[in-house]
Amino acid sequence: MRFKILLDVQKVPQAYRMYLLSFIKEMLKKGDEDLYNQLYDGKKKPKPFTFSFYMNNFNLLEETAEYEMKNATLIFSTSDVRVGVAFFNGLSITQKYDHPEYPLKIISKQIAHEKPITSNVVTFNILNGLLVEDKMKKPLLISNPSFEQEFNIITNKQFQALYGRPLYEPLKICGHCLKKQVIKETNRHANGKTLFYTAQKGVIKLQGHPEDLKLLYLDGAGLRRAQGYGTLEAIQHG
């Protein structure tokens, strides 16, 4: 399930992913509190969703580390029907999000068109940063010979945790046009410090089993998908 939400918001922090995640968590909790408690039970585990954020007419205010904009669009995607229903139900009973610094209003919400994945080769546009790291937490770029292997290791672990199975077939990278992207972020474990993540944005062509590619399309690829990374849009089959 894929959703497109138009937001009336004029300003967000430069490290906006955790801000958006707090909004998403509130919608899930409103829509299905039992499900929310299952997802966020204090255990570190993958979540079956991803999201991306598009700002209209934005400008970065360096002095305050904030983006100002006209409005923005949030894309939320999940393979789990229960998660999708909970999120949409939460949106349906919410008009505004009363954040103390960055309030927002929901202008419109809709179920977005979900593209069918039937081919074993699909070209994806990465709507935000694709984050891949080795076992030492060192970021890997597509130029690294270990990138494809580590990408498969990460994805297999996520599939086992989320779907109870590994990949049906190893993923192969058939082509790419990716650009390095250093992302500033923070979270509640950072004690106010700024964190830096080295990711990549652009286009990537993957070969694999169609069912595996479909789940990557719906739940995202790479690390920290449920924190606003690895959201994919299918742009070409074959």
Protein backbone atom coordinates (compact mmCIF):
# COMPACT_ATOMS: atom_id res chain seq x y z
CA MET A 1 0.00 0.00 0.00
CA ARG A 2 1.26 3.42 -0.94
CA PHE A 3 -0.05 6.78 0.25
CA LYS A 4 0.50 10.36 -0.85
CA ILE A 5 -0.17 13.08 1.73
CA LEU A 6 -0.08 16.79 0.95
CA LEU A 7 0.97 18.78 4.01
CA ASP A 8 0.58 22.43 4.90
CA VAL A 9 3.93 22.99 6.57
CA GLN A 10 6.16 26.05 6.25
CA LYS A 11 9.23 24.98 8.15
CA VAL A 12 10.98 21.76 9.23
CA PRO A 13 14.37 21.06 10.82
CA GLN A 14 17.24 20.28 8.46
CA ALA A 15 17.43 16.88 10.17
CA TYR A 16 13.77 16.28 9.42
CA ARG A 17 13.53 12.47 9.29
CA MET A 18 12.97 11.93 13.02
CA TYR A 19 10.42 14.74 13.02
CA LEU A 20 8.49 13.00 10.26
CA LEU A 21 8.86 9.62 11.95
CA SER A 22 7.26 11.04 15.10
CA PHE A 23 4.30 12.17 12.98
CA ILE A 24 4.03 8.72 11.34
CA LYS A 25 4.22 6.98 14.73
CA GLU A 26 1.42 9.16 16.05
CA MET A 27 -0.78 8.27 13.05
CA LEU A 28 -0.09 4.55 13.56
CA LYS A 29 -0.87 4.82 17.27
CA LYS A 30 -4.14 6.64 16.59
CA GLY A 31 -5.10 4.13 13.92
CA ASP A 32 -4.22 0.93 15.81
CA GLU A 33 -2.60 1.21 19.24
CA ASP A 34 -2.08 -2.55 19.59
CA LEU A 35 -0.18 -2.65 16.31
CA TYR A 36 1.85 0.39 17.32
CA ASN A 37 2.87 -1.34 20.55
CA GLN A 38 3.93 -4.42 18.57
CA LEU A 39 6.06 -2.35 16.21
CA TYR A 40 7.62 -0.21 18.95
CA ASP A 41 8.04 -2.62 21.84
CA GLY A 42 11.54 -1.45 22.72
CA LYS A 43 13.27 -4.11 20.61
CA LYS A 44 15.49 -3.14 17.73
CA LYS A 45 13.98 -4.72 14.62
CA PRO A 46 13.09 -3.82 11.01
CA LYS A 47 9.72 -2.20 10.37
CA PRO A 48 7.60 -2.98 7.28
CA PHE A 49 7.40 0.54 5.89
CA THR A 50 9.37 3.39 4.42
CA PHE A 51 8.73 7.06 3.64
CA SER A 52 10.09 9.99 1.68
CA PHE A 53 9.52 13.74 1.82
CA TYR A 54 9.30 16.23 -1.03
CA MET A 55 9.41 19.97 -0.27
CA ASN A 56 7.90 22.52 -2.66
CA ASN A 57 9.83 25.77 -3.23
CA PHE A 58 12.18 25.12 -0.34
CA ASN A 59 15.13 27.08 0.96
CA LEU A 60 17.73 26.06 3.55
CA LEU A 61 18.23 28.59 6.35
CA GLU A 62 21.85 27.95 7.32
CA GLU A 63 21.75 30.06 10.48
CA THR A 64 18.92 28.04 12.05
CA ALA A 65 19.48 24.69 10.26
CA GLU A 66 15.89 24.68 9.01
CA TYR A 67 14.13 24.30 5.68
CA GLU A 68 11.38 26.75 4.83
CA MET A 69 8.92 25.87 2.08
CA LYS A 70 5.51 26.50 0.58
CA ASN A 71 4.15 23.02 1.37
CA ALA A 72 5.33 19.43 1.17
CA THR A 73 4.35 15.90 0.12
CA LEU A 74 4.90 12.80 2.23
CA ILE A 75 5.06 9.38 0.55
CA PHE A 76 4.38 6.44 2.89
CA SER A 77 4.72 2.88 1.62
CA THR A 78 4.21 -0.54 3.22
CA SER A 79 3.70 -4.17 2.22
CA ASP A 80 1.70 -4.80 5.40
CA VAL A 81 -2.03 -4.16 4.95
CA ARG A 82 -2.57 -3.77 8.69
CA VAL A 83 0.13 -1.07 8.86
CA GLY A 84 -1.35 0.71 5.84
CA VAL A 85 -4.88 0.64 7.28
CA ALA A 86 -3.68 1.88 10.67
CA PHE A 87 -1.73 4.74 9.10
CA PHE A 88 -4.65 5.81 6.91
CA ASN A 89 -7.13 5.55 9.79
CA GLY A 90 -4.86 7.76 11.87
CA LEU A 91 -4.73 10.32 9.07
CA SER A 92 -8.53 10.19 8.70
CA ILE A 93 -9.11 11.37 12.27
CA THR A 94 -6.32 13.96 12.23
CA GLN A 95 -6.42 17.48 10.82
CA LYS A 96 -3.20 18.83 12.27
CA TYR A 97 -0.06 17.72 14.05
CA ASP A 98 0.64 20.00 17.02
CA HIS A 99 4.42 19.88 17.15
CA PRO A 100 5.74 22.62 19.48
CA GLU A 101 8.13 24.03 16.87
CA TYR A 102 6.97 22.64 13.52
CA PRO A 103 3.19 22.19 13.40
CA LEU A 104 1.59 20.93 10.21
CA LYS A 105 -1.86 20.47 8.71
CA ILE A 106 -3.05 17.66 6.45
CA ILE A 107 -4.36 19.21 3.23
CA SER A 108 -5.19 15.96 1.42
CA LYS A 109 -4.48 12.25 1.53
CA GLN A 110 -4.89 9.57 -1.08
CA ILE A 111 -3.97 5.99 -1.85
CA ALA A 112 -1.28 6.31 -4.50
CA HIS A 113 -0.99 4.14 -7.58
CA GLU A 114 1.07 1.05 -6.83
CA LYS A 115 3.03 -0.17 -9.83
CA PRO A 116 2.93 -3.94 -10.44
CA ILE A 117 6.31 -5.68 -10.24
CA THR A 118 6.25 -8.69 -12.58
CA SER A 119 9.73 -8.66 -14.16
CA ASN A 120 12.97 -10.02 -12.71
CA VAL A 121 14.76 -6.80 -13.72
CA VAL A 122 13.44 -3.43 -12.53
CA THR A 123 14.94 0.06 -12.62
CA PHE A 124 14.20 2.07 -9.50
CA ASN A 125 14.51 5.73 -8.68
CA ILE A 126 15.70 6.20 -5.09
CA LEU A 127 13.46 8.93 -3.66
CA ASN A 128 15.81 9.50 -0.73
CA GLY A 129 19.19 8.15 0.33
CA LEU A 130 20.06 4.46 -0.05
CA LEU A 131 22.14 3.54 2.99
CA VAL A 132 24.42 0.47 2.92
CA GLU A 133 27.09 -0.27 5.54
CA ASP A 134 29.45 -3.16 6.21
CA LYS A 135 29.52 -5.12 9.47
CA MET A 136 31.85 -2.48 10.97
CA LYS A 137 29.20 0.20 10.32
CA LYS A 138 31.37 1.74 7.63
CA PRO A 139 29.32 3.22 4.77
CA LEU A 140 29.70 1.58 1.38
CA LEU A 141 29.31 3.28 -1.99
CA ILE A 142 28.33 1.54 -5.22
CA SER A 143 31.97 1.73 -6.39
CA ASN A 144 33.06 -0.56 -3.54
CA PRO A 145 33.55 -4.19 -4.73
CA SER A 146 31.73 -5.39 -1.58
CA PHE A 147 28.63 -3.25 -2.13
CA GLU A 148 26.46 -5.90 -3.84
CA GLN A 149 27.46 -8.60 -1.33
CA GLU A 150 26.73 -6.40 1.70
CA PHE A 151 23.46 -5.21 0.15
CA ASN A 152 22.38 -8.86 -0.13
CA ILE A 153 23.44 -9.61 3.45
CA ILE A 154 21.44 -6.65 4.78
CA THR A 155 18.39 -7.52 2.68
CA ASN A 156 18.45 -11.20 3.66
CA LYS A 157 18.48 -10.26 7.36
CA GLN A 158 15.56 -7.88 6.85
CA PHE A 159 13.57 -10.46 4.90
CA GLN A 160 14.12 -13.08 7.62
CA ALA A 161 12.94 -10.65 10.30
CA LEU A 162 9.95 -9.27 8.38
CA TYR A 163 8.74 -12.15 6.21
CA GLY A 164 10.29 -15.22 7.81
CA ARG A 165 12.36 -16.14 4.76
CA PRO A 166 15.53 -15.12 2.91
CA LEU A 167 15.59 -13.71 -0.61
CA TYR A 168 14.31 -16.17 -3.20
CA GLU A 169 17.25 -15.17 -5.40
CA PRO A 170 20.38 -13.05 -4.79
CA LEU A 171 20.05 -9.46 -5.91
CA LYS A 172 22.27 -8.31 -8.75
CA ILE A 173 23.01 -4.71 -9.66
CA CYS A 174 22.71 -4.44 -13.44
CA GLY A 175 23.25 -0.70 -13.74
CA HIS A 176 23.20 2.51 -11.75
CA CYS A 177 23.58 6.25 -11.77
CA LEU A 178 24.10 7.12 -8.13
CA LYS A 179 25.47 10.19 -6.40
CA LYS A 180 26.98 10.32 -2.93
CA GLN A 181 24.81 12.11 -0.38
CA VAL A 182 25.88 13.05 3.16
CA ILE A 183 22.81 13.40 5.37
CA LYS A 184 22.69 15.23 8.70
CA GLU A 185 20.45 13.62 11.29
CA THR A 186 19.90 13.25 15.00
CA ASN A 187 17.85 11.01 17.26
CA ARG A 188 17.05 10.48 20.91
CA HIS A 189 20.17 8.35 21.39
CA ALA A 190 22.53 11.04 20.04
CA ASN A 191 22.35 13.33 23.13
CA GLY A 192 21.86 16.38 20.93
CA LYS A 193 24.81 15.61 18.68
CA THR A 194 24.59 15.74 14.90
CA LEU A 195 24.97 12.40 13.14
CA PHE A 196 26.20 12.02 9.56
CA TYR A 197 25.09 9.22 7.23
CA THR A 198 26.76 8.61 3.87
CA ALA A 199 24.09 7.45 1.44
CA GLN A 200 23.45 7.49 -2.32
CA LYS A 201 20.66 8.89 -4.42
CA GLY A 202 19.74 8.36 -8.05
CA VAL A 203 18.77 5.39 -10.21
CA ILE A 204 19.58 1.72 -9.67
CA LYS A 205 18.72 -1.31 -11.82
CA LEU A 206 18.19 -4.52 -9.87
CA GLN A 207 17.81 -8.13 -10.95
CA GLY A 208 16.10 -10.60 -8.65
CA HIS A 209 12.94 -12.59 -8.04
CA PRO A 210 9.83 -10.45 -8.80
CA GLU A 211 8.38 -11.12 -5.32
CA ASP A 212 11.60 -9.90 -3.71
CA LEU A 213 11.71 -6.79 -5.90
CA LYS A 214 8.08 -6.05 -5.05
CA LEU A 215 8.83 -6.12 -1.32
CA LEU A 216 11.81 -3.80 -1.82
CA TYR A 217 9.51 -1.46 -3.75
CA LEU A 218 6.90 -1.45 -0.96
CA ASP A 219 9.09 -1.49 2.17
CA GLY A 220 12.26 0.16 0.92
CA ALA A 221 15.87 -0.98 0.44
CA GLY A 222 19.00 -0.79 2.52
CA LEU A 223 19.34 0.31 6.13
CA ARG A 224 17.06 2.62 8.17
CA ARG A 225 14.17 2.31 5.72
CA ALA A 226 11.60 3.12 8.41
CA GLN A 227 13.58 6.26 9.27
CA GLY A 228 13.17 7.79 5.83
CA TYR A 229 15.82 6.04 3.74
CA GLY A 230 15.70 3.69 0.74
CA THR A 231 12.25 4.54 -0.61
CA LEU A 232 11.99 3.31 -4.20
CA GLU A 233 9.87 4.23 -7.21
CA ALA A 234 9.71 1.73 -10.06
CA ILE A 235 10.38 3.51 -13.35
CA GLN A 236 11.14 0.70 -15.83
CA HIS A 237 10.70 -3.05 -16.14
CA GLY A 238 13.03 -5.38 -18.02
